[in-house]
Amino acid sequence: MKVQLDTTVSERLPRFSLGILHYSGASVSDSPKMLQGRINYFVESLRLEHDLSKLTEIEGVREWRAAFKQLGIDPSRYRPSSEALLRRLLQGNPFFWINSAVDVNNFFSVLHALPFGIYDQDHLAGDIICRLGQSTDRYEGLNGREVNMEGKLLLADGQGAFGSPIVDSTRSCVTEKSRNLMQVVFFHEQVPLENKEQILGSTGNMFTQINGGELSSSYILSV
């Protein structure tokens, strides 16, 4: 499965990149108590360190809002998923538990203030492209609404759009039946290469510790 960046994105964000991780043979379940405890501790620390009124000043949130503006996306109307998760937690809401794969994914998203996506690879067809949406790009989002992705940053396969740093689709969602997964980290332009490599390394290690299986490939995709 090849992943590529389209010129509709690279022309506006020339230093934009993706982190790609492929897992095989994973065993997805409810998150173990150890993971729940670590995430809950992080959430409490997050609330002590940051105030909701200064959310947009957090490194990562600030840079992704600027990137959205460069792409012609209004970040106040269509928030990066990492910002939406952080906002929810800083408002006092509990971490939203889904399953061991999604929970690890969301934990790293709020930890690094970067949009992370996790997808059931067996529900994807052909090669993947990261591009800006067209008028025909619509899907049922995990937020329960049909999402119009025209003009928005997205991931698409042979069947059309399925993912985005805003909201992902139900078509590619990860469940306890999922075994082969693709994880995508959306890096803004200011993330140093060393940090990207560290994030991919720690993400892959923790993901396989919690979900088993094998990290079959991990790489950074840039122009």
C-alpha atoms as a PDB file:
ATOM      1  CA  MET A   1       0.000   0.000   0.000  1.00  0.00           C
ATOM      2  CA  LYS A   2       1.724   3.153  -1.246  1.00  0.00           C
ATOM      3  CA  VAL A   3       1.091   6.532   0.386  1.00  0.00           C
ATOM      4  CA  GLN A   4       1.836   9.791  -1.398  1.00  0.00           C
ATOM      5  CA  LEU A   5       1.432  13.548  -0.986  1.00  0.00           C
ATOM      6  CA  ASP A   6      -0.428  15.470  -3.654  1.00  0.00           C
ATOM      7  CA  THR A   7       0.829  18.792  -5.005  1.00  0.00           C
ATOM      8  CA  THR A   8      -2.402  20.476  -3.835  1.00  0.00           C
ATOM      9  CA  VAL A   9      -0.936  20.158  -0.334  1.00  0.00           C
ATOM     10  CA  SER A  10       2.824  20.403  -0.913  1.00  0.00           C
ATOM     11  CA  GLU A  11       2.532  23.620  -2.926  1.00  0.00           C
ATOM     12  CA  ARG A  12       0.927  25.376   0.044  1.00  0.00           C
ATOM     13  CA  LEU A  13       2.824  23.552   2.801  1.00  0.00           C
ATOM     14  CA  PRO A  14       6.214  22.657   1.265  1.00  0.00           C
ATOM     15  CA  ARG A  15       7.614  21.251   4.546  1.00  0.00           C
ATOM     16  CA  PHE A  16       4.487  19.326   5.529  1.00  0.00           C
ATOM     17  CA  SER A  17       4.955  15.615   6.212  1.00  0.00           C
ATOM     18  CA  LEU A  18       3.173  12.497   7.385  1.00  0.00           C
ATOM     19  CA  GLY A  19       4.323   9.795   9.752  1.00  0.00           C
ATOM     20  CA  ILE A  20       3.101   6.386   8.581  1.00  0.00           C
ATOM     21  CA  LEU A  21       2.961   3.249  10.720  1.00  0.00           C
ATOM     22  CA  HIS A  22       1.598  -0.118   9.585  1.00  0.00           C
ATOM     23  CA  TYR A  23       0.655  -2.817  12.098  1.00  0.00           C
ATOM     24  CA  SER A  24      -0.182  -6.443  11.384  1.00  0.00           C
ATOM     25  CA  GLY A  25      -1.840  -9.033  13.612  1.00  0.00           C
ATOM     26  CA  ALA A  26      -2.993  -6.584  16.292  1.00  0.00           C
ATOM     27  CA  SER A  27      -5.456  -7.623  18.987  1.00  0.00           C
ATOM     28  CA  VAL A  28      -7.784  -4.722  19.783  1.00  0.00           C
ATOM     29  CA  SER A  29      -9.821  -4.789  23.003  1.00  0.00           C
ATOM     30  CA  ASP A  30     -10.864  -2.571  25.901  1.00  0.00           C
ATOM     31  CA  SER A  31      -7.916  -0.541  27.159  1.00  0.00           C
ATOM     32  CA  PRO A  32      -6.092  -2.222  30.066  1.00  0.00           C
ATOM     33  CA  LYS A  33      -6.100  -0.576  33.508  1.00  0.00           C
ATOM     34  CA  MET A  34      -2.421   0.318  33.121  1.00  0.00           C
ATOM     35  CA  LEU A  35      -3.126   2.401  30.030  1.00  0.00           C
ATOM     36  CA  GLN A  36      -6.214   3.991  31.571  1.00  0.00           C
ATOM     37  CA  GLY A  37      -4.188   4.978  34.631  1.00  0.00           C
ATOM     38  CA  ARG A  38      -1.394   6.503  32.559  1.00  0.00           C
ATOM     39  CA  ILE A  39      -3.828   8.501  30.422  1.00  0.00           C
ATOM     40  CA  ASN A  40      -5.857   9.716  33.411  1.00  0.00           C
ATOM     41  CA  TYR A  41      -2.651  10.861  35.117  1.00  0.00           C
ATOM     42  CA  PHE A  42      -1.623  12.725  31.965  1.00  0.00           C
ATOM     43  CA  VAL A  43      -5.048  14.395  31.717  1.00  0.00           C
ATOM     44  CA  GLU A  44      -4.804  15.669  35.311  1.00  0.00           C
ATOM     45  CA  SER A  45      -1.289  16.994  34.647  1.00  0.00           C
ATOM     46  CA  LEU A  46      -2.515  18.650  31.448  1.00  0.00           C
ATOM     47  CA  ARG A  47      -5.240  20.511  33.323  1.00  0.00           C
ATOM     48  CA  LEU A  48      -2.765  21.754  35.916  1.00  0.00           C
ATOM     49  CA  GLU A  49      -0.356  22.987  33.256  1.00  0.00           C
ATOM     50  CA  HIS A  50      -2.740  24.553  30.723  1.00  0.00           C
ATOM     51  CA  ASP A  51      -5.755  26.828  30.843  1.00  0.00           C
ATOM     52  CA  LEU A  52      -8.576  26.562  28.310  1.00  0.00           C
ATOM     53  CA  SER A  53      -8.354  30.288  27.544  1.00  0.00           C
ATOM     54  CA  LYS A  54      -4.775  29.766  26.322  1.00  0.00           C
ATOM     55  CA  LEU A  55      -5.408  26.581  24.343  1.00  0.00           C
ATOM     56  CA  THR A  56      -4.474  28.156  21.009  1.00  0.00           C
ATOM     57  CA  GLU A  57      -1.053  29.109  22.420  1.00  0.00           C
ATOM     58  CA  ILE A  58      -0.045  25.468  22.952  1.00  0.00           C
ATOM     59  CA  GLU A  59       2.765  24.404  20.634  1.00  0.00           C
ATOM     60  CA  GLY A  60       1.200  22.210  17.979  1.00  0.00           C
ATOM     61  CA  VAL A  61      -2.250  23.741  18.311  1.00  0.00           C
ATOM     62  CA  ARG A  62      -0.879  27.119  17.278  1.00  0.00           C
ATOM     63  CA  GLU A  63       1.090  25.695  14.347  1.00  0.00           C
ATOM     64  CA  TRP A  64      -1.744  23.552  13.040  1.00  0.00           C
ATOM     65  CA  ARG A  65      -4.191  26.455  13.121  1.00  0.00           C
ATOM     66  CA  ALA A  66      -1.695  28.448  11.042  1.00  0.00           C
ATOM     67  CA  ALA A  67      -1.325  25.513   8.628  1.00  0.00           C
ATOM     68  CA  PHE A  68      -5.089  25.300   8.183  1.00  0.00           C
ATOM     69  CA  LYS A  69      -5.165  28.986   7.297  1.00  0.00           C
ATOM     70  CA  GLN A  70      -2.436  28.427   4.680  1.00  0.00           C
ATOM     71  CA  LEU A  71      -4.591  25.668   3.195  1.00  0.00           C
ATOM     72  CA  GLY A  72      -7.642  27.933   3.105  1.00  0.00           C
ATOM     73  CA  ILE A  73      -9.411  26.141   5.979  1.00  0.00           C
ATOM     74  CA  ASP A  74     -11.011  28.159   8.796  1.00  0.00           C
ATOM     75  CA  PRO A  75      -9.535  26.595  11.989  1.00  0.00           C
ATOM     76  CA  SER A  76     -12.273  28.067  14.164  1.00  0.00           C
ATOM     77  CA  ARG A  77     -14.963  26.331  12.124  1.00  0.00           C
ATOM     78  CA  TYR A  78     -13.050  23.112  11.329  1.00  0.00           C
ATOM     79  CA  ARG A  79     -10.669  22.403  14.191  1.00  0.00           C
ATOM     80  CA  PRO A  80      -7.736  20.000  13.916  1.00  0.00           C
ATOM     81  CA  SER A  81      -8.724  16.816  15.770  1.00  0.00           C
ATOM     82  CA  SER A  82      -5.890  17.239  18.279  1.00  0.00           C
ATOM     83  CA  GLU A  83      -7.164  20.692  19.229  1.00  0.00           C
ATOM     84  CA  ALA A  84     -10.717  19.351  19.552  1.00  0.00           C
ATOM     85  CA  LEU A  85      -9.501  16.583  21.883  1.00  0.00           C
ATOM     86  CA  LEU A  86      -7.465  18.999  24.000  1.00  0.00           C
ATOM     87  CA  ARG A  87     -10.359  21.452  24.178  1.00  0.00           C
ATOM     88  CA  ARG A  88     -12.685  18.723  25.402  1.00  0.00           C
ATOM     89  CA  LEU A  89     -10.268  17.662  28.146  1.00  0.00           C
ATOM     90  CA  LEU A  90      -9.512  21.212  29.279  1.00  0.00           C
ATOM     91  CA  GLN A  91     -13.251  21.838  29.553  1.00  0.00           C
ATOM     92  CA  GLY A  92     -13.277  19.163  32.255  1.00  0.00           C
ATOM     93  CA  ASN A  93     -14.717  16.314  30.208  1.00  0.00           C
ATOM     94  CA  PRO A  94     -13.313  12.805  30.776  1.00  0.00           C
ATOM     95  CA  PHE A  95     -11.112  11.043  28.254  1.00  0.00           C
ATOM     96  CA  PHE A  96     -13.421   9.336  25.755  1.00  0.00           C
ATOM     97  CA  TRP A  97     -12.595   5.616  25.920  1.00  0.00           C
ATOM     98  CA  ILE A  98     -13.206   3.639  22.714  1.00  0.00           C
ATOM     99  CA  ASN A  99     -10.789   0.710  22.431  1.00  0.00           C
ATOM    100  CA  SER A 100      -7.115  -0.046  23.006  1.00  0.00           C
ATOM    101  CA  ALA A 101      -6.030   1.049  19.507  1.00  0.00           C
ATOM    102  CA  VAL A 102      -8.009   4.290  19.335  1.00  0.00           C
ATOM    103  CA  ASP A 103      -7.200   5.185  22.935  1.00  0.00           C
ATOM    104  CA  VAL A 104      -3.432   4.908  22.326  1.00  0.00           C
ATOM    105  CA  ASN A 105      -3.880   6.941  19.151  1.00  0.00           C
ATOM    106  CA  ASN A 106      -5.796   9.700  20.947  1.00  0.00           C
ATOM    107  CA  PHE A 107      -3.366   9.725  23.855  1.00  0.00           C
ATOM    108  CA  PHE A 108      -0.431  10.480  21.554  1.00  0.00           C
ATOM    109  CA  SER A 109      -2.519  13.069  19.733  1.00  0.00           C
ATOM    110  CA  VAL A 110      -3.096  15.116  22.898  1.00  0.00           C
ATOM    111  CA  LEU A 111       0.415  14.396  24.215  1.00  0.00           C
ATOM    112  CA  HIS A 112       2.048  15.944  21.132  1.00  0.00           C
ATOM    113  CA  ALA A 113      -0.828  18.269  20.086  1.00  0.00           C
ATOM    114  CA  LEU A 114      -0.778  16.705  16.618  1.00  0.00           C
ATOM    115  CA  PRO A 115      -3.629  15.124  14.637  1.00  0.00           C
ATOM    116  CA  PHE A 116      -3.292  11.324  14.650  1.00  0.00           C
ATOM    117  CA  GLY A 117      -5.421   8.933  12.609  1.00  0.00           C
ATOM    118  CA  ILE A 118      -5.848   5.176  13.024  1.00  0.00           C
ATOM    119  CA  TYR A 119      -7.480   3.128  10.250  1.00  0.00           C
ATOM    120  CA  ASP A 120      -8.514  -0.454   9.577  1.00  0.00           C
ATOM    121  CA  GLN A 121      -6.230  -1.262   6.663  1.00  0.00           C
ATOM    122  CA  ASP A 122      -8.437  -4.162   5.529  1.00  0.00           C
ATOM    123  CA  HIS A 123     -11.191  -1.643   4.781  1.00  0.00           C
ATOM    124  CA  LEU A 124      -8.931   0.411   2.510  1.00  0.00           C
ATOM    125  CA  ALA A 125      -8.417  -0.285  -1.182  1.00  0.00           C
ATOM    126  CA  GLY A 126      -5.374   0.529  -3.305  1.00  0.00           C
ATOM    127  CA  ASP A 127      -2.889   3.316  -2.762  1.00  0.00           C
ATOM    128  CA  ILE A 128      -3.403   6.252  -0.402  1.00  0.00           C
ATOM    129  CA  ILE A 129      -3.072   9.923  -1.288  1.00  0.00           C
ATOM    130  CA  CYS A 130      -3.070  12.970   0.977  1.00  0.00           C
ATOM    131  CA  ARG A 131      -4.703  15.851  -0.875  1.00  0.00           C
ATOM    132  CA  LEU A 132      -7.218  18.666  -0.641  1.00  0.00           C
ATOM    133  CA  GLY A 133     -10.834  17.616  -1.012  1.00  0.00           C
ATOM    134  CA  GLN A 134     -12.939  17.953  -4.125  1.00  0.00           C
ATOM    135  CA  SER A 135     -16.664  18.630  -4.474  1.00  0.00           C
ATOM    136  CA  THR A 136     -17.430  14.897  -4.560  1.00  0.00           C
ATOM    137  CA  ASP A 137     -15.544  14.110  -1.341  1.00  0.00           C
ATOM    138  CA  ARG A 138     -18.097  13.287   1.336  1.00  0.00           C
ATOM    139  CA  TYR A 139     -18.305  10.600   3.983  1.00  0.00           C
ATOM    140  CA  GLU A 140     -20.049   9.622   7.182  1.00  0.00           C
ATOM    141  CA  GLY A 141     -17.844  10.956   9.945  1.00  0.00           C
ATOM    142  CA  LEU A 142     -17.160   9.463  13.346  1.00  0.00           C
ATOM    143  CA  ASN A 143     -19.017  12.477  14.727  1.00  0.00           C
ATOM    144  CA  GLY A 144     -22.234  10.975  13.333  1.00  0.00           C
ATOM    145  CA  ARG A 145     -22.678  13.526  10.572  1.00  0.00           C
ATOM    146  CA  GLU A 146     -22.068  13.464   6.835  1.00  0.00           C
ATOM    147  CA  VAL A 147     -18.953  15.525   6.277  1.00  0.00           C
ATOM    148  CA  ASN A 148     -18.353  17.641   3.185  1.00  0.00           C
ATOM    149  CA  MET A 149     -14.586  17.501   2.659  1.00  0.00           C
ATOM    150  CA  GLU A 150     -14.314  19.925  -0.259  1.00  0.00           C
ATOM    151  CA  GLY A 151     -11.231  22.114   0.212  1.00  0.00           C
ATOM    152  CA  LYS A 152     -10.137  20.258   3.343  1.00  0.00           C
ATOM    153  CA  LEU A 153      -6.999  18.231   3.947  1.00  0.00           C
ATOM    154  CA  LEU A 154      -7.809  14.538   3.632  1.00  0.00           C
ATOM    155  CA  LEU A 155      -6.647  10.992   2.967  1.00  0.00           C
ATOM    156  CA  ALA A 156      -8.217   9.041   0.104  1.00  0.00           C
ATOM    157  CA  ASP A 157      -7.894   5.520  -1.278  1.00  0.00           C
ATOM    158  CA  GLY A 158      -9.304   3.873  -4.402  1.00  0.00           C
ATOM    159  CA  GLN A 159     -12.825   4.239  -3.025  1.00  0.00           C
ATOM    160  CA  GLY A 160     -12.526   7.904  -2.111  1.00  0.00           C
ATOM    161  CA  ALA A 161     -11.916   9.999   0.992  1.00  0.00           C
ATOM    162  CA  PHE A 162     -11.764   8.196   4.335  1.00  0.00           C
ATOM    163  CA  GLY A 163      -9.665  10.241   6.751  1.00  0.00           C
ATOM    164  CA  SER A 164      -8.624  13.727   7.729  1.00  0.00           C
ATOM    165  CA  PRO A 165      -6.866  15.657  10.512  1.00  0.00           C
ATOM    166  CA  ILE A 166     -10.350  17.042  11.223  1.00  0.00           C
ATOM    167  CA  VAL A 167     -12.555  13.936  11.499  1.00  0.00           C
ATOM    168  CA  ASP A 168     -12.268  10.394  10.152  1.00  0.00           C
ATOM    169  CA  SER A 169     -14.875   8.227   8.439  1.00  0.00           C
ATOM    170  CA  THR A 170     -16.858   5.297   9.793  1.00  0.00           C
ATOM    171  CA  ARG A 171     -15.734   3.239   6.773  1.00  0.00           C
ATOM    172  CA  SER A 172     -12.174   2.917   8.003  1.00  0.00           C
ATOM    173  CA  CYS A 173     -12.792   2.984  11.761  1.00  0.00           C
ATOM    174  CA  VAL A 174     -10.930   0.533  14.012  1.00  0.00           C
ATOM    175  CA  THR A 175     -12.965  -1.975  16.032  1.00  0.00           C
ATOM    176  CA  GLU A 176     -12.159  -5.064  18.080  1.00  0.00           C
ATOM    177  CA  LYS A 177     -12.333  -7.039  14.830  1.00  0.00           C
ATOM    178  CA  SER A 178      -9.508  -5.026  13.259  1.00  0.00           C
ATOM    179  CA  ARG A 179      -6.178  -6.816  12.844  1.00  0.00           C
ATOM    180  CA  ASN A 180      -4.180  -4.863  10.256  1.00  0.00           C
ATOM    181  CA  LEU A 181      -3.983  -1.147  10.924  1.00  0.00           C
ATOM    182  CA  MET A 182      -2.491   2.007   9.454  1.00  0.00           C
ATOM    183  CA  GLN A 183      -1.674   4.930  11.715  1.00  0.00           C
ATOM    184  CA  VAL A 184      -0.984   8.401  10.337  1.00  0.00           C
ATOM    185  CA  VAL A 185       0.639  11.322  12.151  1.00  0.00           C
ATOM    186  CA  PHE A 186       0.014  14.729  10.574  1.00  0.00           C
ATOM    187  CA  PHE A 187       3.194  16.749  11.227  1.00  0.00           C
ATOM    188  CA  HIS A 188       3.042  20.519  10.851  1.00  0.00           C
ATOM    189  CA  GLU A 189       5.974  22.229   9.164  1.00  0.00           C
ATOM    190  CA  GLN A 190       7.784  23.258  12.362  1.00  0.00           C
ATOM    191  CA  VAL A 191       8.347  19.734  13.761  1.00  0.00           C
ATOM    192  CA  PRO A 192      12.095  18.902  13.569  1.00  0.00           C
ATOM    193  CA  LEU A 193      13.091  15.622  11.940  1.00  0.00           C
ATOM    194  CA  GLU A 194      14.540  14.319  15.205  1.00  0.00           C
ATOM    195  CA  ASN A 195      11.206  14.905  16.947  1.00  0.00           C
ATOM    196  CA  LYS A 196       9.302  13.166  14.165  1.00  0.00           C
ATOM    197  CA  GLU A 197      11.498  10.099  14.471  1.00  0.00           C
ATOM    198  CA  GLN A 198      11.124  10.071  18.262  1.00  0.00           C
ATOM    199  CA  ILE A 199       7.336  10.359  18.016  1.00  0.00           C
ATOM    200  CA  LEU A 200       7.099   7.498  15.537  1.00  0.00           C
ATOM    201  CA  GLY A 201       9.380   5.350  17.690  1.00  0.00           C
ATOM    202  CA  SER A 202       7.519   5.881  20.953  1.00  0.00           C
ATOM    203  CA  THR A 203       4.119   5.555  19.274  1.00  0.00           C
ATOM    204  CA  GLY A 204       4.995   2.275  17.583  1.00  0.00           C
ATOM    205  CA  ASN A 205       6.493   0.833  20.760  1.00  0.00           C
ATOM    206  CA  MET A 206       3.543   1.675  22.979  1.00  0.00           C
ATOM    207  CA  PHE A 207       0.993   0.633  20.380  1.00  0.00           C
ATOM    208  CA  THR A 208       2.437  -2.863  20.039  1.00  0.00           C
ATOM    209  CA  GLN A 209       2.938  -3.198  23.799  1.00  0.00           C
ATOM    210  CA  ILE A 210      -0.773  -2.564  24.316  1.00  0.00           C
ATOM    211  CA  ASN A 211      -2.246  -4.169  21.194  1.00  0.00           C
ATOM    212  CA  GLY A 212       0.284  -6.857  20.340  1.00  0.00           C
ATOM    213  CA  GLY A 213       0.964  -7.635  16.705  1.00  0.00           C
ATOM    214  CA  GLU A 214       3.916  -6.389  14.717  1.00  0.00           C
ATOM    215  CA  LEU A 215       4.991  -2.954  13.534  1.00  0.00           C
ATOM    216  CA  SER A 216       5.590  -3.970   9.918  1.00  0.00           C
ATOM    217  CA  SER A 217       6.763  -0.555   8.705  1.00  0.00           C
ATOM    218  CA  SER A 218       7.298   2.973   9.984  1.00  0.00           C
ATOM    219  CA  TYR A 219       8.465   5.956   7.947  1.00  0.00           C
ATOM    220  CA  ILE A 220       8.176   9.689   7.347  1.00  0.00           C
ATOM    221  CA  LEU A 221       6.621  10.835   4.081  1.00  0.00           C
ATOM    222  CA  SER A 222       7.594  14.287   2.829  1.00  0.00           C
ATOM    223  CA  VAL A 223       7.955  16.093  -0.489  1.00  0.00           C
END
